[in-house]
Every structure is written in structure tokens, then in C-alpha cells.
Amino acid sequence: MLDNALKVSNILNKKIDVEVVNARFQKPIDEKMFKDILKKYKNIYVYEEQMKVNSLGSYLVNYANEKGYKGNIKVLGIPDKFVKQGKKGELLEYLELDPDSVAKVIKKDFK
């Protein structure tokens, strides 16, 4: 999803200052990186190609709560429901996880 995240960044950089952080591994958790992210950003979007339940995003939300984070975190991932089968690009569009859909979500939050 890194390529898609960079596409989202390119779409948004015209109007919204964003930074893509590559969390290459879900485990082991890089707590120093998470601490730095929580200190630096007021709005965090975790864009991942896995179920939202028990994902890196859900871990980050729990971690942020434990640390008293006061910003906003939105996990953009696969909902906990049956997903039809198909080609990856088609499924990302269906789930609104393609770069254009994700950029729209973020733009809406910044209006």
C-alpha cells in the first residue's frame, strides 16, 4: 500500500501538507516511531490493506489512548464484513481504499 499512500500524498500535497510514514512491519511494534508520530501530528490516518480489527491501526489507536493522545486517528482499512472477490484495484475501489477515495476522506476532514 506504500505506492497508494504516496499517490494519496501527491493528490493532497496540492492543498494539504502530508507526510507518509512507512510502517513496514506490524510486529515487532516500533514504539519509538509511534511516540514520535503522536508528538508530531494532530491528525493521523492509518491506511492499510487489512481488516481494521486487530490491525496496525487498531494497535496505534490503543497505544495512543494509553499515552493520552488528544489528536484524531482514523483507520482506513477493510471493514469487518464479507468482501466480494475480484481484482485488487477493483476491490480497493469497492472498499473506498483506492488513492482517490482516501484523498477525498482526508480532504473532507480538513474542510
Protein backbone atom coordinates (compact mmCIF):
# COMPACT_ATOMS: atom_id res chain seq x y z
CA MET A 1 0.00 0.00 0.00
CA LEU A 2 3.02 2.30 0.15
CA ASP A 3 2.66 3.15 -3.55
CA ASN A 4 -1.02 4.00 -3.00
CA ALA A 5 -0.16 6.09 0.08
CA LEU A 6 2.35 8.06 -1.99
CA LYS A 7 -0.34 8.62 -4.64
CA VAL A 8 -2.68 9.93 -1.92
CA SER A 9 0.10 12.22 -0.74
CA ASN A 10 0.62 13.56 -4.25
CA ILE A 11 -3.11 14.25 -4.61
CA LEU A 12 -3.25 16.03 -1.23
CA ASN A 13 0.00 17.96 -1.38
CA LYS A 14 -1.69 20.43 -3.65
CA LYS A 15 -3.83 21.60 -0.70
CA ILE A 16 -2.90 19.71 2.49
CA ASP A 17 0.58 19.19 3.90
CA VAL A 18 1.00 15.46 4.50
CA GLU A 19 3.79 13.05 5.30
CA VAL A 20 3.80 9.32 4.54
CA VAL A 21 5.34 7.14 7.23
CA ASN A 22 6.16 3.61 6.10
CA ALA A 23 5.33 1.23 8.93
CA ARG A 24 6.79 -1.76 7.12
CA PHE A 25 6.09 -4.26 9.89
CA GLN A 26 3.15 -4.74 12.22
CA LYS A 27 5.29 -6.73 14.62
CA PRO A 28 7.53 -6.02 16.38
CA ILE A 29 5.97 -2.65 17.14
CA ASP A 30 8.32 0.32 16.77
CA GLU A 31 7.25 2.20 19.91
CA LYS A 32 9.77 5.00 19.38
CA MET A 33 8.31 5.68 15.93
CA PHE A 34 4.77 5.71 17.36
CA LYS A 35 5.78 8.10 20.14
CA ASP A 36 7.36 10.44 17.59
CA ILE A 37 4.25 10.30 15.38
CA LEU A 38 1.95 11.08 18.32
CA LYS A 39 4.10 14.07 19.32
CA LYS A 40 4.35 15.45 15.79
CA TYR A 41 0.85 15.06 14.33
CA LYS A 42 -2.63 16.22 15.30
CA ASN A 43 -4.34 14.15 12.58
CA ILE A 44 -3.17 10.62 11.84
CA TYR A 45 -4.52 8.37 9.10
CA VAL A 46 -3.53 4.71 9.12
CA TYR A 47 -4.00 3.43 5.57
CA GLU A 48 -3.71 -0.33 5.41
CA GLU A 49 -4.76 -3.28 3.32
CA GLN A 50 -6.03 -5.49 6.10
CA MET A 51 -9.02 -5.80 8.38
CA LYS A 52 -9.40 -2.85 10.74
CA VAL A 53 -9.92 -5.29 13.62
CA ASN A 54 -6.59 -6.31 15.19
CA SER A 55 -4.64 -4.28 12.65
CA LEU A 56 -1.72 -1.92 12.98
CA GLY A 57 -4.28 0.89 13.07
CA SER A 58 -6.20 -0.62 15.97
CA TYR A 59 -2.92 -1.11 17.83
CA LEU A 60 -1.98 2.52 17.24
CA VAL A 61 -5.38 3.73 18.48
CA ASN A 62 -4.99 1.68 21.68
CA TYR A 63 -1.40 2.84 22.13
CA ALA A 64 -2.42 6.48 21.60
CA ASN A 65 -5.22 6.16 24.18
CA GLU A 66 -2.81 4.71 26.72
CA LYS A 67 -0.45 7.66 26.14
CA GLY A 68 -3.24 10.25 26.46
CA TYR A 69 -3.07 11.38 22.82
CA LYS A 70 -5.57 14.18 22.17
CA GLY A 71 -5.45 14.25 18.36
CA ASN A 72 -7.51 12.41 15.77
CA ILE A 73 -6.73 8.96 14.41
CA LYS A 74 -8.67 7.43 11.54
CA VAL A 75 -8.01 3.86 10.42
CA LEU A 76 -8.65 3.32 6.73
CA GLY A 77 -8.77 -0.42 6.17
CA ILE A 78 -11.03 -3.33 5.32
CA PRO A 79 -14.26 -3.37 7.36
CA ASP A 80 -15.13 -6.44 9.41
CA LYS A 81 -17.59 -7.85 6.88
CA PHE A 82 -17.63 -10.22 3.92
CA VAL A 83 -15.85 -8.72 0.92
CA LYS A 84 -16.58 -9.96 -2.57
CA GLN A 85 -13.78 -11.42 -4.66
CA GLY A 86 -12.14 -9.61 -7.52
CA LYS A 87 -9.02 -7.90 -8.80
CA LYS A 88 -7.11 -5.85 -6.26
CA GLY A 89 -7.77 -2.48 -7.91
CA GLU A 90 -11.49 -3.19 -8.22
CA LEU A 91 -11.72 -4.26 -4.59
CA LEU A 92 -9.86 -1.19 -3.37
CA GLU A 93 -12.35 1.00 -5.25
CA TYR A 94 -15.30 -1.03 -3.91
CA LEU A 95 -13.97 -0.60 -0.35
CA GLU A 96 -13.12 3.07 -1.00
CA LEU A 97 -9.47 2.35 -0.26
CA ASP A 98 -8.13 3.45 -3.66
CA PRO A 99 -5.98 6.62 -3.63
CA ASP A 100 -8.72 8.94 -4.92
CA SER A 101 -11.26 7.74 -2.32
CA VAL A 102 -8.77 8.01 0.54
CA ALA A 103 -7.77 11.51 -0.58
CA LYS A 104 -11.46 12.52 -0.55
CA VAL A 105 -11.86 11.27 3.03
CA ILE A 106 -8.87 13.29 4.18
CA LYS A 107 -9.91 16.42 2.26
CA LYS A 108 -13.37 16.23 3.82
CA ASP A 109 -11.83 16.11 7.31
CA PHE A 110 -9.84 19.29 6.58
CA LYS A 111 -12.76 21.41 5.33
